[in-house]
Amino acid sequence: MIISLEQAKEYLRVDSDEEDTLIEALIKSSQNLCQDVTRLDESDFESAGEVAKIAVFFALGYFYEHRENADTHALTLRLRSLLFGIRKDCF
């Protein structure tokens, strides 16, 4: 994973361990969504640099705050804009 549980908890400002399982699942979902948007596999995505990491943090924060009513279509459009520079062309 491109970000650790500790980094995610710091970003989300979570102090307790009660939501660790949820946060770990959200990290995986966030990274998978970002990888799908960029059309990169895990190793290429993780070596893409800070833009990829910031996008995962952005998606993580969105999923955490909107866990009951997330609009994944709108999130995907935002991520496409954020990740456009590292998105793999596919013809």
C-alpha atoms as a PDB file:
ATOM      1  CA  MET A   1       0.000   0.000   0.000  1.00  0.00           C
ATOM      2  CA  ILE A   2       1.147   3.478  -0.838  1.00  0.00           C
ATOM      3  CA  ILE A   3       0.125   4.838   2.590  1.00  0.00           C
ATOM      4  CA  SER A   4       0.312   3.149   5.964  1.00  0.00           C
ATOM      5  CA  LEU A   5      -2.412   2.862   8.571  1.00  0.00           C
ATOM      6  CA  GLU A   6      -0.520   5.321  10.785  1.00  0.00           C
ATOM      7  CA  GLN A   7      -0.288   7.892   7.988  1.00  0.00           C
ATOM      8  CA  ALA A   8      -3.979   7.463   7.229  1.00  0.00           C
ATOM      9  CA  LYS A   9      -4.983   7.903  10.868  1.00  0.00           C
ATOM     10  CA  GLU A  10      -2.858  11.033  11.133  1.00  0.00           C
ATOM     11  CA  TYR A  11      -4.417  12.432   7.943  1.00  0.00           C
ATOM     12  CA  LEU A  12      -7.934  11.632   9.185  1.00  0.00           C
ATOM     13  CA  ARG A  13      -7.094  12.857  12.708  1.00  0.00           C
ATOM     14  CA  VAL A  14      -8.132   9.589  14.324  1.00  0.00           C
ATOM     15  CA  ASP A  15      -6.528   8.855  17.694  1.00  0.00           C
ATOM     16  CA  SER A  16      -8.161   5.580  18.723  1.00  0.00           C
ATOM     17  CA  ASP A  17      -7.674   2.071  17.378  1.00  0.00           C
ATOM     18  CA  GLU A  18     -11.405   1.340  17.188  1.00  0.00           C
ATOM     19  CA  GLU A  19     -11.701   2.079  13.465  1.00  0.00           C
ATOM     20  CA  ASP A  20      -8.461   0.491  12.296  1.00  0.00           C
ATOM     21  CA  THR A  21     -10.232  -2.263  10.346  1.00  0.00           C
ATOM     22  CA  LEU A  22     -12.472   0.261   8.606  1.00  0.00           C
ATOM     23  CA  ILE A  23      -9.566   2.572   7.793  1.00  0.00           C
ATOM     24  CA  GLU A  24      -7.475  -0.289   6.385  1.00  0.00           C
ATOM     25  CA  ALA A  25     -10.378  -1.290   4.131  1.00  0.00           C
ATOM     26  CA  LEU A  26     -10.809   2.319   3.012  1.00  0.00           C
ATOM     27  CA  ILE A  27      -7.082   2.603   2.218  1.00  0.00           C
ATOM     28  CA  LYS A  28      -7.335  -0.467  -0.020  1.00  0.00           C
ATOM     29  CA  SER A  29     -10.491   0.811  -1.708  1.00  0.00           C
ATOM     30  CA  SER A  30      -8.974   4.243  -2.229  1.00  0.00           C
ATOM     31  CA  GLN A  31      -5.797   2.873  -3.745  1.00  0.00           C
ATOM     32  CA  ASN A  32      -7.708   0.438  -5.962  1.00  0.00           C
ATOM     33  CA  LEU A  33      -9.914   3.237  -7.264  1.00  0.00           C
ATOM     34  CA  CYS A  34      -6.888   5.449  -7.948  1.00  0.00           C
ATOM     35  CA  GLN A  35      -5.119   2.584  -9.718  1.00  0.00           C
ATOM     36  CA  ASP A  36      -8.202   1.994 -11.862  1.00  0.00           C
ATOM     37  CA  VAL A  37      -8.319   5.671 -12.800  1.00  0.00           C
ATOM     38  CA  THR A  38      -4.623   5.701 -13.746  1.00  0.00           C
ATOM     39  CA  ARG A  39      -4.740   2.267 -15.393  1.00  0.00           C
ATOM     40  CA  LEU A  40      -1.542   1.333 -13.543  1.00  0.00           C
ATOM     41  CA  ASP A  41      -0.719  -1.844 -11.658  1.00  0.00           C
ATOM     42  CA  GLU A  42       0.218  -1.654  -7.987  1.00  0.00           C
ATOM     43  CA  SER A  43       3.994  -1.417  -8.442  1.00  0.00           C
ATOM     44  CA  ASP A  44       3.777   1.253 -11.160  1.00  0.00           C
ATOM     45  CA  PHE A  45       1.215   3.194  -9.152  1.00  0.00           C
ATOM     46  CA  GLU A  46       3.324   3.142  -5.993  1.00  0.00           C
ATOM     47  CA  SER A  47       6.349   4.388  -7.934  1.00  0.00           C
ATOM     48  CA  ALA A  48       4.312   7.241  -9.493  1.00  0.00           C
ATOM     49  CA  GLY A  49       5.267   9.586  -6.668  1.00  0.00           C
ATOM     50  CA  GLU A  50       3.529  12.163  -4.549  1.00  0.00           C
ATOM     51  CA  VAL A  51       0.622  12.751  -6.931  1.00  0.00           C
ATOM     52  CA  ALA A  52      -0.508   9.157  -6.473  1.00  0.00           C
ATOM     53  CA  LYS A  53      -0.129   9.394  -2.718  1.00  0.00           C
ATOM     54  CA  ILE A  54      -2.094  12.643  -2.513  1.00  0.00           C
ATOM     55  CA  ALA A  55      -4.876  11.133  -4.623  1.00  0.00           C
ATOM     56  CA  VAL A  56      -5.149   8.149  -2.279  1.00  0.00           C
ATOM     57  CA  PHE A  57      -5.310  10.495   0.720  1.00  0.00           C
ATOM     58  CA  PHE A  58      -8.015  12.525  -1.050  1.00  0.00           C
ATOM     59  CA  ALA A  59     -10.085   9.419  -1.826  1.00  0.00           C
ATOM     60  CA  LEU A  60      -9.546   8.074   1.687  1.00  0.00           C
ATOM     61  CA  GLY A  61     -10.775  11.302   3.254  1.00  0.00           C
ATOM     62  CA  TYR A  62     -13.802  11.333   0.973  1.00  0.00           C
ATOM     63  CA  PHE A  63     -14.707   7.705   1.728  1.00  0.00           C
ATOM     64  CA  TYR A  64     -14.201   8.241   5.458  1.00  0.00           C
ATOM     65  CA  GLU A  65     -16.383  11.346   5.606  1.00  0.00           C
ATOM     66  CA  HIS A  66     -19.069   9.998   3.249  1.00  0.00           C
ATOM     67  CA  ARG A  67     -19.060   6.349   4.256  1.00  0.00           C
ATOM     68  CA  GLU A  68     -22.838   6.102   4.172  1.00  0.00           C
ATOM     69  CA  ASN A  69     -23.583   8.136   1.046  1.00  0.00           C
ATOM     70  CA  ALA A  70     -20.468   8.268  -1.121  1.00  0.00           C
ATOM     71  CA  ASP A  71     -20.917   9.474  -4.697  1.00  0.00           C
ATOM     72  CA  THR A  72     -18.239   7.370  -6.378  1.00  0.00           C
ATOM     73  CA  HIS A  73     -19.001   8.805  -9.817  1.00  0.00           C
ATOM     74  CA  ALA A  74     -18.238  12.349  -8.662  1.00  0.00           C
ATOM     75  CA  LEU A  75     -15.157  11.120  -6.784  1.00  0.00           C
ATOM     76  CA  THR A  76     -13.905   9.289  -9.861  1.00  0.00           C
ATOM     77  CA  LEU A  77     -14.256  12.436 -11.977  1.00  0.00           C
ATOM     78  CA  ARG A  78     -12.247  14.427  -9.427  1.00  0.00           C
ATOM     79  CA  LEU A  79      -9.583  11.738  -9.288  1.00  0.00           C
ATOM     80  CA  ARG A  80      -9.309  11.705 -13.075  1.00  0.00           C
ATOM     81  CA  SER A  81      -8.510  15.401 -12.967  1.00  0.00           C
ATOM     82  CA  LEU A  82      -6.003  14.937 -10.167  1.00  0.00           C
ATOM     83  CA  LEU A  83      -4.312  11.915 -11.742  1.00  0.00           C
ATOM     84  CA  PHE A  84      -4.440  12.960 -15.393  1.00  0.00           C
ATOM     85  CA  GLY A  85      -0.681  13.521 -15.548  1.00  0.00           C
ATOM     86  CA  ILE A  86       0.188   9.935 -14.583  1.00  0.00           C
ATOM     87  CA  ARG A  87      -2.738   8.202 -16.297  1.00  0.00           C
ATOM     88  CA  LYS A  88      -1.642   5.528 -18.722  1.00  0.00           C
ATOM     89  CA  ASP A  89      -2.927   5.929 -22.265  1.00  0.00           C
ATOM     90  CA  CYS A  90      -5.029   3.023 -23.397  1.00  0.00           C
ATOM     91  CA  PHE A  91      -6.056   2.571 -27.003  1.00  0.00           C
END
